[in-house]
Amino acid sequence: MAFYNRVGSLLRQSTKNNNVIAPVPMSSMLNSIRCMSSMKLFVGGLSYGTDESSLREAFSGFGEVVEARVITDRESGRSKGFGFVSFSSTESASSAVSAMDGQALHGRNIRVSYAQERTGGRPGGNFGGNFGNSGGYRAF
């Protein structure tokens, strides 16, 4: 419901006096839609001792957690200090962002924001052989 209200208000902003249409920047509209429809959160600043079950437990008070994932180094298996939490509803994700951003978790203040799907590789391009970062999610 909040999603439709937000889109409606953006469309109303695009009209001016005497029904002359002035365009709302498309990037602004897409950004708002992306935020409202995102159920996946980026969690940065995690303690190296935080695992997937403790991350899930920390966020489960805000709604049904579909997935909690701590990103680890391939070779060492050690946490990279960030992860992702996916919720079953946008309302749960929104309340988790509001409540958890800047809070302490296992002795570290974490950053929580909406995740955004990556569309391209790293700046500087792909170094051939599909070794570049060409997908996944990042902080929004």
Protein backbone atom coordinates (compact mmCIF):
# COMPACT_ATOMS: atom_id res chain seq x y z
CA MET A 1 0.00 0.00 0.00
CA ALA A 2 2.80 2.43 0.89
CA PHE A 3 4.40 1.61 -2.45
CA TYR A 4 1.32 2.71 -4.40
CA ASN A 5 0.93 5.86 -2.30
CA ARG A 6 4.53 6.85 -3.02
CA VAL A 7 4.19 6.24 -6.76
CA GLY A 8 0.92 8.22 -6.78
CA SER A 9 2.52 11.19 -5.05
CA LEU A 10 5.41 11.16 -7.53
CA LEU A 11 2.99 11.15 -10.44
CA ARG A 12 1.00 14.03 -8.89
CA GLN A 13 4.24 16.00 -8.60
CA SER A 14 4.73 15.66 -12.34
CA THR A 15 1.69 17.84 -13.09
CA LYS A 16 1.77 21.61 -12.78
CA ASN A 17 -0.79 24.43 -13.12
CA ASN A 18 -3.39 24.14 -15.90
CA ASN A 19 -2.56 20.47 -16.46
CA VAL A 20 0.79 21.29 -18.06
CA ILE A 21 2.95 18.26 -17.45
CA ALA A 22 6.45 18.85 -16.16
CA PRO A 23 8.45 15.62 -16.00
CA VAL A 24 9.73 14.31 -12.69
CA PRO A 25 13.31 13.07 -13.14
CA MET A 26 13.07 9.40 -14.03
CA SER A 27 15.98 8.53 -11.74
CA SER A 28 14.09 9.99 -8.78
CA MET A 29 11.01 7.96 -9.57
CA LEU A 30 12.96 4.73 -10.11
CA ASN A 31 14.95 5.27 -6.91
CA SER A 32 11.75 5.65 -4.91
CA ILE A 33 10.24 2.54 -6.44
CA ARG A 34 13.44 0.57 -5.83
CA CYS A 35 13.52 1.59 -2.16
CA MET A 36 9.89 0.81 -1.60
CA SER A 37 9.98 -2.60 -3.25
CA SER A 38 13.29 -3.80 -1.81
CA MET A 39 13.17 -6.55 0.77
CA LYS A 40 16.91 -7.22 0.81
CA LEU A 41 19.13 -5.23 3.16
CA PHE A 42 22.86 -4.61 3.17
CA VAL A 43 24.46 -4.89 6.61
CA GLY A 44 27.97 -3.46 6.89
CA GLY A 45 30.44 -3.18 9.75
CA LEU A 46 29.81 -6.67 11.06
CA SER A 47 32.07 -8.18 13.67
CA TYR A 48 34.21 -11.01 12.32
CA GLY A 49 32.53 -13.23 14.91
CA THR A 50 29.05 -12.67 13.47
CA ASP A 51 27.77 -15.73 11.65
CA GLU A 52 24.60 -16.29 9.62
CA SER A 53 22.54 -17.66 12.52
CA SER A 54 23.39 -14.73 14.82
CA LEU A 55 22.67 -12.26 12.00
CA ARG A 56 19.30 -13.93 11.41
CA GLU A 57 18.54 -13.82 15.13
CA ALA A 58 19.42 -10.11 15.38
CA PHE A 59 16.95 -9.20 12.60
CA SER A 60 14.18 -11.73 13.27
CA GLY A 61 12.40 -9.38 15.66
CA PHE A 62 11.33 -7.19 12.72
CA GLY A 63 9.59 -9.88 10.69
CA GLU A 64 10.16 -13.14 8.85
CA VAL A 65 13.78 -13.39 7.72
CA VAL A 66 13.93 -15.34 4.46
CA GLU A 67 17.74 -15.37 4.26
CA ALA A 68 20.64 -14.08 6.32
CA ARG A 69 24.03 -14.30 4.65
CA VAL A 70 27.47 -13.24 5.86
CA ILE A 71 29.92 -12.75 3.00
CA THR A 72 33.18 -14.65 3.52
CA ASP A 73 36.56 -14.74 1.85
CA ARG A 74 36.81 -17.71 -0.53
CA GLU A 75 40.29 -18.76 0.52
CA SER A 76 40.33 -18.15 4.27
CA GLY A 77 36.62 -18.56 5.01
CA ARG A 78 36.82 -15.48 7.25
CA SER A 79 33.99 -12.93 7.24
CA LYS A 80 34.52 -9.86 5.09
CA GLY A 81 32.58 -7.77 7.61
CA PHE A 82 29.32 -7.41 5.71
CA GLY A 83 26.27 -9.40 4.77
CA PHE A 84 22.70 -9.35 3.55
CA VAL A 85 19.34 -9.98 5.21
CA SER A 86 16.21 -10.67 3.14
CA PHE A 87 12.72 -10.23 4.56
CA SER A 88 9.38 -11.60 3.42
CA SER A 89 7.80 -8.12 3.42
CA THR A 90 8.85 -4.57 2.64
CA GLU A 91 7.36 -3.34 5.93
CA SER A 92 9.66 -5.65 7.91
CA ALA A 93 12.68 -4.50 5.90
CA SER A 94 11.78 -0.85 6.41
CA SER A 95 11.39 -1.20 10.17
CA ALA A 96 14.69 -3.10 10.37
CA VAL A 97 16.54 -0.32 8.54
CA SER A 98 15.05 2.31 10.83
CA ALA A 99 15.78 0.43 14.03
CA MET A 100 19.12 -1.25 13.33
CA ASP A 101 21.12 1.32 11.36
CA GLY A 102 23.89 2.61 13.64
CA GLN A 103 23.13 0.13 16.44
CA ALA A 104 25.69 -2.12 18.12
CA LEU A 105 25.81 -5.79 17.16
CA HIS A 106 28.48 -7.99 18.76
CA GLY A 107 30.49 -4.95 19.81
CA ARG A 108 30.43 -3.09 16.46
CA ASN A 109 28.12 -0.36 15.18
CA ILE A 110 26.52 -1.69 12.01
CA ARG A 111 25.27 0.12 8.92
CA VAL A 112 21.98 -1.07 7.49
CA SER A 113 20.59 0.09 4.15
CA TYR A 114 18.61 -1.23 1.22
CA ALA A 115 20.57 -3.48 -1.11
CA GLN A 116 20.68 -2.65 -4.80
CA GLU A 117 21.33 -5.23 -7.47
CA ARG A 118 24.57 -4.65 -9.32
CA THR A 119 24.21 -4.26 -13.04
CA GLY A 120 27.80 -4.00 -14.17
CA GLY A 121 31.32 -4.84 -13.18
CA ARG A 122 33.81 -2.88 -11.17
CA PRO A 123 35.11 0.44 -12.47
CA GLY A 124 37.97 -0.23 -14.83
CA GLY A 125 36.17 -3.07 -16.52
CA ASN A 126 36.26 -6.80 -16.52
CA PHE A 127 39.73 -8.27 -16.80
CA GLY A 128 38.63 -11.08 -19.07
CA GLY A 129 37.59 -14.63 -18.40
CA ASN A 130 34.66 -13.53 -16.26
CA PHE A 131 36.94 -12.79 -13.33
CA GLY A 132 35.48 -9.29 -12.83
CA ASN A 133 32.64 -8.55 -10.46
CA SER A 134 29.65 -8.65 -12.77
CA GLY A 135 26.74 -9.24 -10.45
CA GLY A 136 25.42 -9.46 -6.95
CA TYR A 137 24.14 -6.77 -4.61
CA ARG A 138 25.63 -3.66 -3.06
CA ALA A 139 24.65 -0.96 -0.57
CA PHE A 140 22.14 1.55 -1.86
